[in-house]
Amino acid sequence: MRVVVWVKKFLLGRSQRVRLDRQLSEEIRILSGVTQGSVLGLLLFPVYVDDIWKNVATNIRQIADDCIIYRKIRDSSDIDNLQTYLNRLEELTAENEIKINRGKSKAVCFKKTG
């Protein structure tokens, strides 16, 4: 129970401001997320996204807040299953207010030749 109270205190009542050269922005309250680069953030993020990876017929490897989603494509049903998962992933990220950095997202296709 102490851990829950400790985590709650870490997440609630936070604010931030930005400094650019000598100018300091107005302070604003932070309503969601964890401090980027914090040790606790690295522990909480997998808990936060855990439901996204459940019951998936696709391979996923996660490292901190980055992930790789991959699937061996043998026929059109594999393509359909992968697309179905990607569509569901988009829904889940919207529901959980997780932003996907599309600029860092890539689709890559590897195929055996010869």
PDB file of N, CA and C in Angstrom:
ATOM      1  N   MET A   1       0.828  -1.198   0.000  1.00  0.00           N
ATOM      2  CA  MET A   1       0.000   0.000   0.000  1.00  0.00           C
ATOM      3  C   MET A   1       0.870   1.259   0.000  1.00  0.00           C
ATOM      4  N   ARG A   2       2.014   1.209   0.676  1.00  0.00           N
ATOM      5  CA  ARG A   2       2.901   2.371   0.718  1.00  0.00           C
ATOM      6  C   ARG A   2       3.392   2.742  -0.674  1.00  0.00           C
ATOM      7  N   VAL A   3       3.633   1.718  -1.513  1.00  0.00           N
ATOM      8  CA  VAL A   3       4.120   1.964  -2.870  1.00  0.00           C
ATOM      9  C   VAL A   3       3.077   2.733  -3.668  1.00  0.00           C
ATOM     10  N   VAL A   4       1.803   2.366  -3.515  1.00  0.00           N
ATOM     11  CA  VAL A   4       0.729   3.054  -4.239  1.00  0.00           C
ATOM     12  C   VAL A   4       0.678   4.521  -3.826  1.00  0.00           C
ATOM     13  N   VAL A   5       0.784   4.797  -2.563  1.00  0.00           N
ATOM     14  CA  VAL A   5       0.777   6.182  -2.070  1.00  0.00           C
ATOM     15  C   VAL A   5       1.988   6.929  -2.612  1.00  0.00           C
ATOM     16  N   TRP A   6       3.134   6.309  -2.609  1.00  0.00           N
ATOM     17  CA  TRP A   6       4.359   6.932  -3.098  1.00  0.00           C
ATOM     18  C   TRP A   6       4.254   7.270  -4.584  1.00  0.00           C
ATOM     19  N   VAL A   7       3.747   6.307  -5.383  1.00  0.00           N
ATOM     20  CA  VAL A   7       3.587   6.537  -6.818  1.00  0.00           C
ATOM     21  C   VAL A   7       2.558   7.638  -7.067  1.00  0.00           C
ATOM     22  N   LYS A   8       1.481   7.622  -6.319  1.00  0.00           N
ATOM     23  CA  LYS A   8       0.439   8.651  -6.459  1.00  0.00           C
ATOM     24  C   LYS A   8       1.021  10.039  -6.193  1.00  0.00           C
ATOM     25  N   LYS A   9       1.811  10.171  -5.141  1.00  0.00           N
ATOM     26  CA  LYS A   9       2.442  11.459  -4.833  1.00  0.00           C
ATOM     27  C   LYS A   9       3.409  11.893  -5.929  1.00  0.00           C
ATOM     28  N   PHE A  10       4.078  10.914  -6.549  1.00  0.00           N
ATOM     29  CA  PHE A  10       5.005  11.211  -7.644  1.00  0.00           C
ATOM     30  C   PHE A  10       4.261  11.754  -8.856  1.00  0.00           C
ATOM     31  N   LEU A  11       3.059  11.210  -9.129  1.00  0.00           N
ATOM     32  CA  LEU A  11       2.323  11.568 -10.338  1.00  0.00           C
ATOM     33  C   LEU A  11       1.442  12.800 -10.203  1.00  0.00           C
ATOM     34  N   LEU A  12       0.937  13.075  -9.027  1.00  0.00           N
ATOM     35  CA  LEU A  12      -0.021  14.169  -8.845  1.00  0.00           C
ATOM     36  C   LEU A  12       0.652  15.469  -8.412  1.00  0.00           C
ATOM     37  N   GLY A  13       0.037  16.578  -8.795  1.00  0.00           N
ATOM     38  CA  GLY A  13       0.490  17.885  -8.340  1.00  0.00           C
ATOM     39  C   GLY A  13       1.780  18.361  -8.979  1.00  0.00           C
ATOM     40  N   ARG A  14       2.054  17.903 -10.195  1.00  0.00           N
ATOM     41  CA  ARG A  14       3.285  18.315 -10.866  1.00  0.00           C
ATOM     42  C   ARG A  14       3.017  19.504 -11.777  1.00  0.00           C
ATOM     43  N   SER A  15       4.064  20.254 -12.048  1.00  0.00           N
ATOM     44  CA  SER A  15       3.964  21.381 -12.978  1.00  0.00           C
ATOM     45  C   SER A  15       5.275  21.473 -13.752  1.00  0.00           C
ATOM     46  N   GLN A  16       5.240  22.272 -14.811  1.00  0.00           N
ATOM     47  CA  GLN A  16       6.465  22.461 -15.592  1.00  0.00           C
ATOM     48  C   GLN A  16       6.480  23.854 -16.189  1.00  0.00           C
ATOM     49  N   ARG A  17       7.669  24.279 -16.565  1.00  0.00           N
ATOM     50  CA  ARG A  17       7.867  25.526 -17.296  1.00  0.00           C
ATOM     51  C   ARG A  17       9.077  25.338 -18.191  1.00  0.00           C
ATOM     52  N   VAL A  18       9.187  26.193 -19.172  1.00  0.00           N
ATOM     53  CA  VAL A  18      10.251  26.074 -20.157  1.00  0.00           C
ATOM     54  C   VAL A  18      11.104  27.333 -20.128  1.00  0.00           C
ATOM     55  N   ARG A  19      12.420  27.132 -20.232  1.00  0.00           N
ATOM     56  CA  ARG A  19      13.340  28.264 -20.312  1.00  0.00           C
ATOM     57  C   ARG A  19      13.967  28.262 -21.704  1.00  0.00           C
ATOM     58  N   LEU A  20      13.913  29.412 -22.366  1.00  0.00           N
ATOM     59  CA  LEU A  20      14.564  29.601 -23.646  1.00  0.00           C
ATOM     60  C   LEU A  20      15.415  30.850 -23.519  1.00  0.00           C
ATOM     61  N   ASP A  21      16.718  30.649 -23.610  1.00  0.00           N
ATOM     62  CA  ASP A  21      17.676  31.716 -23.319  1.00  0.00           C
ATOM     63  C   ASP A  21      17.395  32.227 -21.913  1.00  0.00           C
ATOM     64  N   ARG A  22      16.997  33.485 -21.788  1.00  0.00           N
ATOM     65  CA  ARG A  22      16.721  34.032 -20.441  1.00  0.00           C
ATOM     66  C   ARG A  22      15.239  34.188 -20.157  1.00  0.00           C
ATOM     67  N   GLN A  23      14.420  33.750 -21.098  1.00  0.00           N
ATOM     68  CA  GLN A  23      12.966  33.849 -20.918  1.00  0.00           C
ATOM     69  C   GLN A  23      12.434  32.577 -20.257  1.00  0.00           C
ATOM     70  N   LEU A  24      11.553  32.748 -19.290  1.00  0.00           N
ATOM     71  CA  LEU A  24      10.952  31.632 -18.580  1.00  0.00           C
ATOM     72  C   LEU A  24       9.451  31.661 -18.818  1.00  0.00           C
ATOM     73  N   SER A  25       8.903  30.536 -19.264  1.00  0.00           N
ATOM     74  CA  SER A  25       7.466  30.480 -19.555  1.00  0.00           C
ATOM     75  C   SER A  25       6.665  30.461 -18.260  1.00  0.00           C
ATOM     76  N   GLU A  26       5.373  30.626 -18.437  1.00  0.00           N
ATOM     77  CA  GLU A  26       4.440  30.506 -17.323  1.00  0.00           C
ATOM     78  C   GLU A  26       4.388  29.038 -16.896  1.00  0.00           C
ATOM     79  N   GLU A  27       4.229  28.796 -15.612  1.00  0.00           N
ATOM     80  CA  GLU A  27       4.151  27.433 -15.098  1.00  0.00           C
ATOM     81  C   GLU A  27       2.762  26.862 -15.368  1.00  0.00           C
ATOM     82  N   ILE A  28       2.726  25.608 -15.828  1.00  0.00           N
ATOM     83  CA  ILE A  28       1.444  24.946 -16.055  1.00  0.00           C
ATOM     84  C   ILE A  28       1.419  23.615 -15.316  1.00  0.00           C
ATOM     85  N   ARG A  29       0.213  23.186 -14.931  1.00  0.00           N
ATOM     86  CA  ARG A  29       0.044  21.895 -14.255  1.00  0.00           C
ATOM     87  C   ARG A  29       0.123  20.769 -15.259  1.00  0.00           C
ATOM     88  N   ILE A  30       0.730  19.661 -14.868  1.00  0.00           N
ATOM     89  CA  ILE A  30       0.825  18.462 -15.680  1.00  0.00           C
ATOM     90  C   ILE A  30      -0.275  17.514 -15.224  1.00  0.00           C
ATOM     91  N   LEU A  31      -1.134  17.114 -16.166  1.00  0.00           N
ATOM     92  CA  LEU A  31      -2.284  16.278 -15.810  1.00  0.00           C
ATOM     93  C   LEU A  31      -2.081  14.798 -16.114  1.00  0.00           C
ATOM     94  N   SER A  32      -1.071  14.468 -16.919  1.00  0.00           N
ATOM     95  CA  SER A  32      -0.853  13.059 -17.246  1.00  0.00           C
ATOM     96  C   SER A  32       0.606  12.820 -17.568  1.00  0.00           C
ATOM     97  N   GLY A  33       0.964  11.542 -17.637  1.00  0.00           N
ATOM     98  CA  GLY A  33       2.328  11.181 -17.996  1.00  0.00           C
ATOM     99  C   GLY A  33       3.259  11.153 -16.806  1.00  0.00           C
ATOM    100  N   VAL A  34       4.494  10.763 -17.077  1.00  0.00           N
ATOM    101  CA  VAL A  34       5.531  10.740 -16.051  1.00  0.00           C
ATOM    102  C   VAL A  34       6.710  11.560 -16.539  1.00  0.00           C
ATOM    103  N   THR A  35       7.558  11.931 -15.632  1.00  0.00           N
ATOM    104  CA  THR A  35       8.724  12.721 -15.981  1.00  0.00           C
ATOM    105  C   THR A  35       9.629  11.915 -16.902  1.00  0.00           C
ATOM    106  N   GLN A  36       9.904  12.482 -18.071  1.00  0.00           N
ATOM    107  CA  GLN A  36      10.741  11.784 -19.041  1.00  0.00           C
ATOM    108  C   GLN A  36      12.141  11.591 -18.476  1.00  0.00           C
ATOM    109  N   GLY A  37      12.643  10.377 -18.625  1.00  0.00           N
ATOM    110  CA  GLY A  37      13.982  10.072 -18.152  1.00  0.00           C
ATOM    111  C   GLY A  37      14.048   9.661 -16.695  1.00  0.00           C
ATOM    112  N   SER A  38      12.909   9.672 -16.001  1.00  0.00           N
ATOM    113  CA  SER A  38      12.929   9.273 -14.596  1.00  0.00           C
ATOM    114  C   SER A  38      12.951   7.754 -14.475  1.00  0.00           C
ATOM    115  N   VAL A  39      13.565   7.256 -13.423  1.00  0.00           N
ATOM    116  CA  VAL A  39      13.621   5.810 -13.182  1.00  0.00           C
ATOM    117  C   VAL A  39      12.214   5.266 -12.988  1.00  0.00           C
ATOM    118  N   LEU A  40      11.393   5.977 -12.251  1.00  0.00           N
ATOM    119  CA  LEU A  40      10.028   5.520 -12.019  1.00  0.00           C
ATOM    120  C   LEU A  40       9.235   5.510 -13.324  1.00  0.00           C
ATOM    121  N   GLY A  41       9.506   6.453 -14.213  1.00  0.00           N
ATOM    122  CA  GLY A  41       8.848   6.485 -15.512  1.00  0.00           C
ATOM    123  C   GLY A  41       9.130   5.229 -16.312  1.00  0.00           C
ATOM    124  N   LEU A  42      10.375   4.758 -16.266  1.00  0.00           N
ATOM    125  CA  LEU A  42      10.736   3.532 -16.975  1.00  0.00           C
ATOM    126  C   LEU A  42      10.012   2.316 -16.409  1.00  0.00           C
ATOM    127  N   LEU A  43       9.687   2.350 -15.127  1.00  0.00           N
ATOM    128  CA  LEU A  43       8.965   1.241 -14.506  1.00  0.00           C
ATOM    129  C   LEU A  43       7.459   1.334 -14.745  1.00  0.00           C
ATOM    130  N   LEU A  44       6.927   2.551 -14.780  1.00  0.00           N
ATOM    131  CA  LEU A  44       5.480   2.731 -14.912  1.00  0.00           C
ATOM    132  C   LEU A  44       4.985   2.588 -16.344  1.00  0.00           C
ATOM    133  N   PHE A  45       5.793   2.960 -17.321  1.00  0.00           N
ATOM    134  CA  PHE A  45       5.343   2.916 -18.710  1.00  0.00           C
ATOM    135  C   PHE A  45       4.898   1.518 -19.145  1.00  0.00           C
ATOM    136  N   PRO A  46       5.672   0.463 -18.878  1.00  0.00           N
ATOM    137  CA  PRO A  46       5.200  -0.880 -19.273  1.00  0.00           C
ATOM    138  C   PRO A  46       3.871  -1.259 -18.621  1.00  0.00           C
ATOM    139  N   VAL A  47       3.640  -0.812 -17.405  1.00  0.00           N
ATOM    140  CA  VAL A  47       2.363  -1.082 -16.743  1.00  0.00           C
ATOM    141  C   VAL A  47       1.239  -0.350 -17.475  1.00  0.00           C
ATOM    142  N   TYR A  48       1.515   0.873 -17.879  1.00  0.00           N
ATOM    143  CA  TYR A  48       0.529   1.714 -18.560  1.00  0.00           C
ATOM    144  C   TYR A  48       0.117   1.131 -19.904  1.00  0.00           C
ATOM    145  N   VAL A  49       1.044   0.556 -20.643  1.00  0.00           N
ATOM    146  CA  VAL A  49       0.744   0.041 -21.986  1.00  0.00           C
ATOM    147  C   VAL A  49       0.517  -1.467 -22.016  1.00  0.00           C
ATOM    148  N   ASP A  50       0.487  -2.114 -20.863  1.00  0.00           N
ATOM    149  CA  ASP A  50       0.394  -3.571 -20.796  1.00  0.00           C
ATOM    150  C   ASP A  50      -0.799  -4.132 -21.565  1.00  0.00           C
ATOM    151  N   ASP A  51      -1.969  -3.489 -21.488  1.00  0.00           N
ATOM    152  CA  ASP A  51      -3.154  -4.012 -22.164  1.00  0.00           C
ATOM    153  C   ASP A  51      -3.045  -3.963 -23.684  1.00  0.00           C
ATOM    154  N   ILE A  52      -2.173  -3.120 -24.194  1.00  0.00           N
ATOM    155  CA  ILE A  52      -1.994  -3.013 -25.642  1.00  0.00           C
ATOM    156  C   ILE A  52      -1.369  -4.290 -26.198  1.00  0.00           C
ATOM    157  N   TRP A  53      -0.525  -4.942 -25.421  1.00  0.00           N
ATOM    158  CA  TRP A  53       0.204  -6.112 -25.922  1.00  0.00           C
ATOM    159  C   TRP A  53      -0.508  -7.431 -25.649  1.00  0.00           C
ATOM    160  N   LYS A  54      -1.598  -7.413 -24.916  1.00  0.00           N
ATOM    161  CA  LYS A  54      -2.300  -8.661 -24.562  1.00  0.00           C
ATOM    162  C   LYS A  54      -3.092  -9.213 -25.743  1.00  0.00           C
ATOM    163  N   ASN A  55      -3.186 -10.532 -25.803  1.00  0.00           N
ATOM    164  CA  ASN A  55      -3.991 -11.238 -26.807  1.00  0.00           C
ATOM    165  C   ASN A  55      -3.663 -10.804 -28.231  1.00  0.00           C
ATOM    166  N   VAL A  56      -2.404 -10.754 -28.539  1.00  0.00           N
ATOM    167  CA  VAL A  56      -1.949 -10.300 -29.846  1.00  0.00           C
ATOM    168  C   VAL A  56      -1.329 -11.474 -30.599  1.00  0.00           C
ATOM    169  N   ALA A  57      -1.753 -11.648 -31.835  1.00  0.00           N
ATOM    170  CA  ALA A  57      -1.190 -12.713 -32.672  1.00  0.00           C
ATOM    171  C   ALA A  57      -0.062 -12.156 -33.540  1.00  0.00           C
ATOM    172  N   THR A  58       0.657 -11.195 -32.996  1.00  0.00           N
ATOM    173  CA  THR A  58       1.764 -10.540 -33.693  1.00  0.00           C
ATOM    174  C   THR A  58       2.922 -10.461 -32.717  1.00  0.00           C
ATOM    175  N   ASN A  59       4.136 -10.480 -33.212  1.00  0.00           N
ATOM    176  CA  ASN A  59       5.319 -10.392 -32.356  1.00  0.00           C
ATOM    177  C   ASN A  59       5.602  -8.940 -32.008  1.00  0.00           C
ATOM    178  N   ILE A  60       5.889  -8.703 -30.744  1.00  0.00           N
ATOM    179  CA  ILE A  60       6.182  -7.350 -30.270  1.00  0.00           C
ATOM    180  C   ILE A  60       7.396  -7.409 -29.361  1.00  0.00           C
ATOM    181  N   ARG A  61       8.319  -6.514 -29.557  1.00  0.00           N
ATOM    182  CA  ARG A  61       9.470  -6.349 -28.672  1.00  0.00           C
ATOM    183  C   ARG A  61       9.468  -4.899 -28.218  1.00  0.00           C
ATOM    184  N   GLN A  62       9.521  -4.711 -26.896  1.00  0.00           N
ATOM    185  CA  GLN A  62       9.467  -3.363 -26.343  1.00  0.00           C
ATOM    186  C   GLN A  62      10.740  -3.059 -25.585  1.00  0.00           C
ATOM    187  N   ILE A  63      11.280  -1.874 -25.825  1.00  0.00           N
ATOM    188  CA  ILE A  63      12.436  -1.369 -25.099  1.00  0.00           C
ATOM    189  C   ILE A  63      12.067   0.028 -24.634  1.00  0.00           C
ATOM    190  N   ALA A  64      11.849   0.168 -23.321  1.00  0.00           N
ATOM    191  CA  ALA A  64      11.382   1.433 -22.740  1.00  0.00           C
ATOM    192  C   ALA A  64      10.106   1.853 -23.463  1.00  0.00           C
ATOM    193  N   ASP A  65      10.095   3.036 -24.091  1.00  0.00           N
ATOM    194  CA  ASP A  65       8.874   3.475 -24.764  1.00  0.00           C
ATOM    195  C   ASP A  65       8.927   3.266 -26.272  1.00  0.00           C
ATOM    196  N   ASP A  66       9.867   2.477 -26.744  1.00  0.00           N
ATOM    197  CA  ASP A  66       9.943   2.120 -28.161  1.00  0.00           C
ATOM    198  C   ASP A  66       9.526   0.667 -28.332  1.00  0.00           C
ATOM    199  N   CYS A  67       8.973   0.351 -29.493  1.00  0.00           N
ATOM    200  CA  CYS A  67       8.616  -1.040 -29.729  1.00  0.00           C
ATOM    201  C   CYS A  67       8.783  -1.390 -31.203  1.00  0.00           C
ATOM    202  N   ILE A  68       8.902  -2.671 -31.425  1.00  0.00           N
ATOM    203  CA  ILE A  68       8.964  -3.227 -32.774  1.00  0.00           C
ATOM    204  C   ILE A  68       7.819  -4.217 -32.871  1.00  0.00           C
ATOM    205  N   ILE A  69       7.011  -4.079 -33.904  1.00  0.00           N
ATOM    206  CA  ILE A  69       5.897  -4.990 -34.160  1.00  0.00           C
ATOM    207  C   ILE A  69       6.234  -5.708 -35.461  1.00  0.00           C
ATOM    208  N   TYR A  70       6.243  -7.028 -35.421  1.00  0.00           N
ATOM    209  CA  TYR A  70       6.614  -7.749 -36.632  1.00  0.00           C
ATOM    210  C   TYR A  70       5.840  -9.052 -36.761  1.00  0.00           C
ATOM    211  N   ARG A  71       5.779  -9.538 -37.980  1.00  0.00           N
ATOM    212  CA  ARG A  71       5.054 -10.771 -38.263  1.00  0.00           C
ATOM    213  C   ARG A  71       5.603 -11.383 -39.543  1.00  0.00           C
ATOM    214  N   LYS A  72       5.760 -12.680 -39.536  1.00  0.00           N
ATOM    215  CA  LYS A  72       6.159 -13.388 -40.744  1.00  0.00           C
ATOM    216  C   LYS A  72       4.926 -13.498 -41.635  1.00  0.00           C
ATOM    217  N   ILE A  73       5.045 -13.040 -42.867  1.00  0.00           N
ATOM    218  CA  ILE A  73       3.924 -13.047 -43.807  1.00  0.00           C
ATOM    219  C   ILE A  73       4.061 -14.255 -44.726  1.00  0.00           C
ATOM    220  N   ARG A  74       3.150 -15.185 -44.571  1.00  0.00           N
ATOM    221  CA  ARG A  74       3.145 -16.384 -45.410  1.00  0.00           C
ATOM    222  C   ARG A  74       2.052 -16.324 -46.480  1.00  0.00           C
ATOM    223  N   ASP A  75       0.934 -15.654 -46.109  1.00  0.00           N
ATOM    224  CA  ASP A  75      -0.182 -15.533 -47.044  1.00  0.00           C
ATOM    225  C   ASP A  75      -0.993 -14.285 -46.698  1.00  0.00           C
ATOM    226  N   SER A  76      -2.076 -14.061 -47.428  1.00  0.00           N
ATOM    227  CA  SER A  76      -2.859 -12.836 -47.244  1.00  0.00           C
ATOM    228  C   SER A  76      -3.520 -12.763 -45.867  1.00  0.00           C
ATOM    229  N   SER A  77      -3.788 -13.897 -45.238  1.00  0.00           N
ATOM    230  CA  SER A  77      -4.388 -13.856 -43.898  1.00  0.00           C
ATOM    231  C   SER A  77      -3.409 -13.263 -42.880  1.00  0.00           C
ATOM    232  N   ASP A  78      -2.107 -13.502 -43.065  1.00  0.00           N
ATOM    233  CA  ASP A  78      -1.106 -12.888 -42.186  1.00  0.00           C
ATOM    234  C   ASP A  78      -1.108 -11.369 -42.347  1.00  0.00           C
ATOM    235  N   ILE A  79      -1.261 -10.910 -43.570  1.00  0.00           N
ATOM    236  CA  ILE A  79      -1.339  -9.463 -43.820  1.00  0.00           C
ATOM    237  C   ILE A  79      -2.580  -8.897 -43.149  1.00  0.00           C
ATOM    238  N   ASP A  80      -3.710  -9.575 -43.305  1.00  0.00           N
ATOM    239  CA  ASP A  80      -4.961  -9.117 -42.690  1.00  0.00           C
ATOM    240  C   ASP A  80      -4.852  -9.076 -41.173  1.00  0.00           C
ATOM    241  N   ASN A  81      -4.257 -10.117 -40.571  1.00  0.00           N
ATOM    242  CA  ASN A  81      -4.107 -10.158 -39.112  1.00  0.00           C
ATOM    243  C   ASN A  81      -3.207  -9.033 -38.607  1.00  0.00           C
ATOM    244  N   LEU A  82      -2.129  -8.776 -39.314  1.00  0.00           N
ATOM    245  CA  LEU A  82      -1.232  -7.687 -38.918  1.00  0.00           C
ATOM    246  C   LEU A  82      -1.956  -6.345 -39.022  1.00  0.00           C
ATOM    247  N   GLN A  83      -2.681  -6.129 -40.099  1.00  0.00           N
ATOM    248  CA  GLN A  83      -3.406  -4.867 -40.263  1.00  0.00           C
ATOM    249  C   GLN A  83      -4.492  -4.711 -39.208  1.00  0.00           C
ATOM    250  N   THR A  84      -5.185  -5.804 -38.891  1.00  0.00           N
ATOM    251  CA  THR A  84      -6.207  -5.765 -37.836  1.00  0.00           C
ATOM    252  C   THR A  84      -5.581  -5.337 -36.520  1.00  0.00           C
ATOM    253  N   TYR A  85      -4.408  -5.906 -36.183  1.00  0.00           N
ATOM    254  CA  TYR A  85      -3.733  -5.519 -34.948  1.00  0.00           C
ATOM    255  C   TYR A  85      -3.312  -4.053 -34.984  1.00  0.00           C
ATOM    256  N   LEU A  86      -2.763  -3.604 -36.096  1.00  0.00           N
ATOM    257  CA  LEU A  86      -2.334  -2.203 -36.191  1.00  0.00           C
ATOM    258  C   LEU A  86      -3.522  -1.259 -36.048  1.00  0.00           C
ATOM    259  N   ASN A  87      -4.676  -1.632 -36.607  1.00  0.00           N
ATOM    260  CA  ASN A  87      -5.886  -0.822 -36.437  1.00  0.00           C
ATOM    261  C   ASN A  87      -6.306  -0.778 -34.974  1.00  0.00           C
ATOM    262  N   ARG A  88      -6.256  -1.936 -34.299  1.00  0.00           N
ATOM    263  CA  ARG A  88      -6.612  -1.999 -32.869  1.00  0.00           C
ATOM    264  C   ARG A  88      -5.612  -1.206 -32.038  1.00  0.00           C
ATOM    265  N   LEU A  89      -4.351  -1.269 -32.401  1.00  0.00           N
ATOM    266  CA  LEU A  89      -3.326  -0.493 -31.698  1.00  0.00           C
ATOM    267  C   LEU A  89      -3.629   1.001 -31.794  1.00  0.00           C
ATOM    268  N   GLU A  90      -4.041   1.442 -32.962  1.00  0.00           N
ATOM    269  CA  GLU A  90      -4.395   2.853 -33.133  1.00  0.00           C
ATOM    270  C   GLU A  90      -5.568   3.241 -32.230  1.00  0.00           C
ATOM    271  N   GLU A  91      -6.575   2.364 -32.123  1.00  0.00           N
ATOM    272  CA  GLU A  91      -7.715   2.619 -31.237  1.00  0.00           C
ATOM    273  C   GLU A  91      -7.283   2.684 -29.777  1.00  0.00           C
ATOM    274  N   LEU A  92      -6.456   1.718 -29.345  1.00  0.00           N
ATOM    275  CA  LEU A  92      -6.012   1.669 -27.951  1.00  0.00           C
ATOM    276  C   LEU A  92      -5.157   2.882 -27.584  1.00  0.00           C
ATOM    277  N   THR A  93      -4.292   3.302 -28.487  1.00  0.00           N
ATOM    278  CA  THR A  93      -3.469   4.473 -28.176  1.00  0.00           C
ATOM    279  C   THR A  93      -4.335   5.721 -28.065  1.00  0.00           C
ATOM    280  N   ALA A  94      -5.372   5.820 -28.886  1.00  0.00           N
ATOM    281  CA  ALA A  94      -6.291   6.963 -28.782  1.00  0.00           C
ATOM    282  C   ALA A  94      -7.052   6.915 -27.460  1.00  0.00           C
ATOM    283  N   GLU A  95      -7.549   5.729 -27.095  1.00  0.00           N
ATOM    284  CA  GLU A  95      -8.283   5.570 -25.836  1.00  0.00           C
ATOM    285  C   GLU A  95      -7.419   5.922 -24.635  1.00  0.00           C
ATOM    286  N   ASN A  96      -6.145   5.554 -24.670  1.00  0.00           N
ATOM    287  CA  ASN A  96      -5.229   5.788 -23.552  1.00  0.00           C
ATOM    288  C   ASN A  96      -4.442   7.093 -23.679  1.00  0.00           C
ATOM    289  N   GLU A  97      -4.769   7.884 -24.698  1.00  0.00           N
ATOM    290  CA  GLU A  97      -4.107   9.169 -24.944  1.00  0.00           C
ATOM    291  C   GLU A  97      -2.598   9.025 -25.067  1.00  0.00           C
ATOM    292  N   ILE A  98      -2.181   7.970 -25.772  1.00  0.00           N
ATOM    293  CA  ILE A  98      -0.766   7.750 -26.061  1.00  0.00           C
ATOM    294  C   ILE A  98      -0.509   8.269 -27.461  1.00  0.00           C
ATOM    295  N   LYS A  99       0.485   9.109 -27.599  1.00  0.00           N
ATOM    296  CA  LYS A  99       0.800   9.675 -28.900  1.00  0.00           C
ATOM    297  C   LYS A  99       1.913   8.872 -29.560  1.00  0.00           C
ATOM    298  N   ILE A 100       1.663   8.436 -30.788  1.00  0.00           N
ATOM    299  CA  ILE A 100       2.664   7.731 -31.572  1.00  0.00           C
ATOM    300  C   ILE A 100       3.409   8.772 -32.403  1.00  0.00           C
ATOM    301  N   ASN A 101       4.710   8.761 -32.322  1.00  0.00           N
ATOM    302  CA  ASN A 101       5.515   9.687 -33.116  1.00  0.00           C
ATOM    303  C   ASN A 101       5.634   9.116 -34.522  1.00  0.00           C
ATOM    304  N   ARG A 102       4.784   9.569 -35.413  1.00  0.00           N
ATOM    305  CA  ARG A 102       4.764   9.040 -36.779  1.00  0.00           C
ATOM    306  C   ARG A 102       6.050   9.346 -37.528  1.00  0.00           C
ATOM    307  N   GLY A 103       6.743  10.406 -37.140  1.00  0.00           N
ATOM    308  CA  GLY A 103       8.020  10.730 -37.765  1.00  0.00           C
ATOM    309  C   GLY A 103       9.102   9.709 -37.458  1.00  0.00           C
ATOM    310  N   LYS A 104       8.954   9.005 -36.329  1.00  0.00           N
ATOM    311  CA  LYS A 104       9.922   7.979 -35.952  1.00  0.00           C
ATOM    312  C   LYS A 104       9.426   6.574 -36.283  1.00  0.00           C
ATOM    313  N   SER A 105       8.221   6.473 -36.829  1.00  0.00           N
ATOM    314  CA  SER A 105       7.633   5.166 -37.133  1.00  0.00           C
ATOM    315  C   SER A 105       7.923   4.796 -38.581  1.00  0.00           C
ATOM    316  N   LYS A 106       8.304   3.560 -38.784  1.00  0.00           N
ATOM    317  CA  LYS A 106       8.659   3.081 -40.120  1.00  0.00           C
ATOM    318  C   LYS A 106       8.039   1.713 -40.367  1.00  0.00           C
ATOM    319  N   ALA A 107       7.699   1.460 -41.613  1.00  0.00           N
ATOM    320  CA  ALA A 107       7.279   0.117 -42.039  1.00  0.00           C
ATOM    321  C   ALA A 107       8.396  -0.424 -42.922  1.00  0.00           C
ATOM    322  N   VAL A 108       8.856  -1.618 -42.582  1.00  0.00           N
ATOM    323  CA  VAL A 108       9.968  -2.221 -43.323  1.00  0.00           C
ATOM    324  C   VAL A 108       9.549  -3.632 -43.719  1.00  0.00           C
ATOM    325  N   CYS A 109       9.869  -3.996 -44.948  1.00  0.00           N
ATOM    326  CA  CYS A 109       9.576  -5.339 -45.447  1.00  0.00           C
ATOM    327  C   CYS A 109      10.891  -6.009 -45.829  1.00  0.00           C
ATOM    328  N   PHE A 110      11.141  -7.176 -45.253  1.00  0.00           N
ATOM    329  CA  PHE A 110      12.317  -7.960 -45.593  1.00  0.00           C
ATOM    330  C   PHE A 110      11.869  -9.186 -46.347  1.00  0.00           C
ATOM    331  N   LYS A 111      12.562  -9.534 -47.412  1.00  0.00           N
ATOM    332  CA  LYS A 111      12.237 -10.790 -48.080  1.00  0.00           C
ATOM    333  C   LYS A 111      13.481 -11.517 -48.521  1.00  0.00           C
ATOM    334  N   LYS A 112      13.356 -12.826 -48.491  1.00  0.00           N
ATOM    335  CA  LYS A 112      14.458 -13.698 -48.870  1.00  0.00           C
ATOM    336  C   LYS A 112      14.530 -13.742 -50.394  1.00  0.00           C
ATOM    337  N   THR A 113      15.715 -13.614 -50.908  1.00  0.00           N
ATOM    338  CA  THR A 113      15.884 -13.698 -52.362  1.00  0.00           C
ATOM    339  C   THR A 113      16.717 -14.929 -52.690  1.00  0.00           C
ATOM    340  N   GLY A 114      16.584 -15.365 -53.927  1.00  0.00           N
ATOM    341  CA  GLY A 114      17.418 -16.469 -54.388  1.00  0.00           C
ATOM    342  C   GLY A 114      16.774 -17.729 -54.154  1.00  0.00           C
TER     343      GLY A 114
END
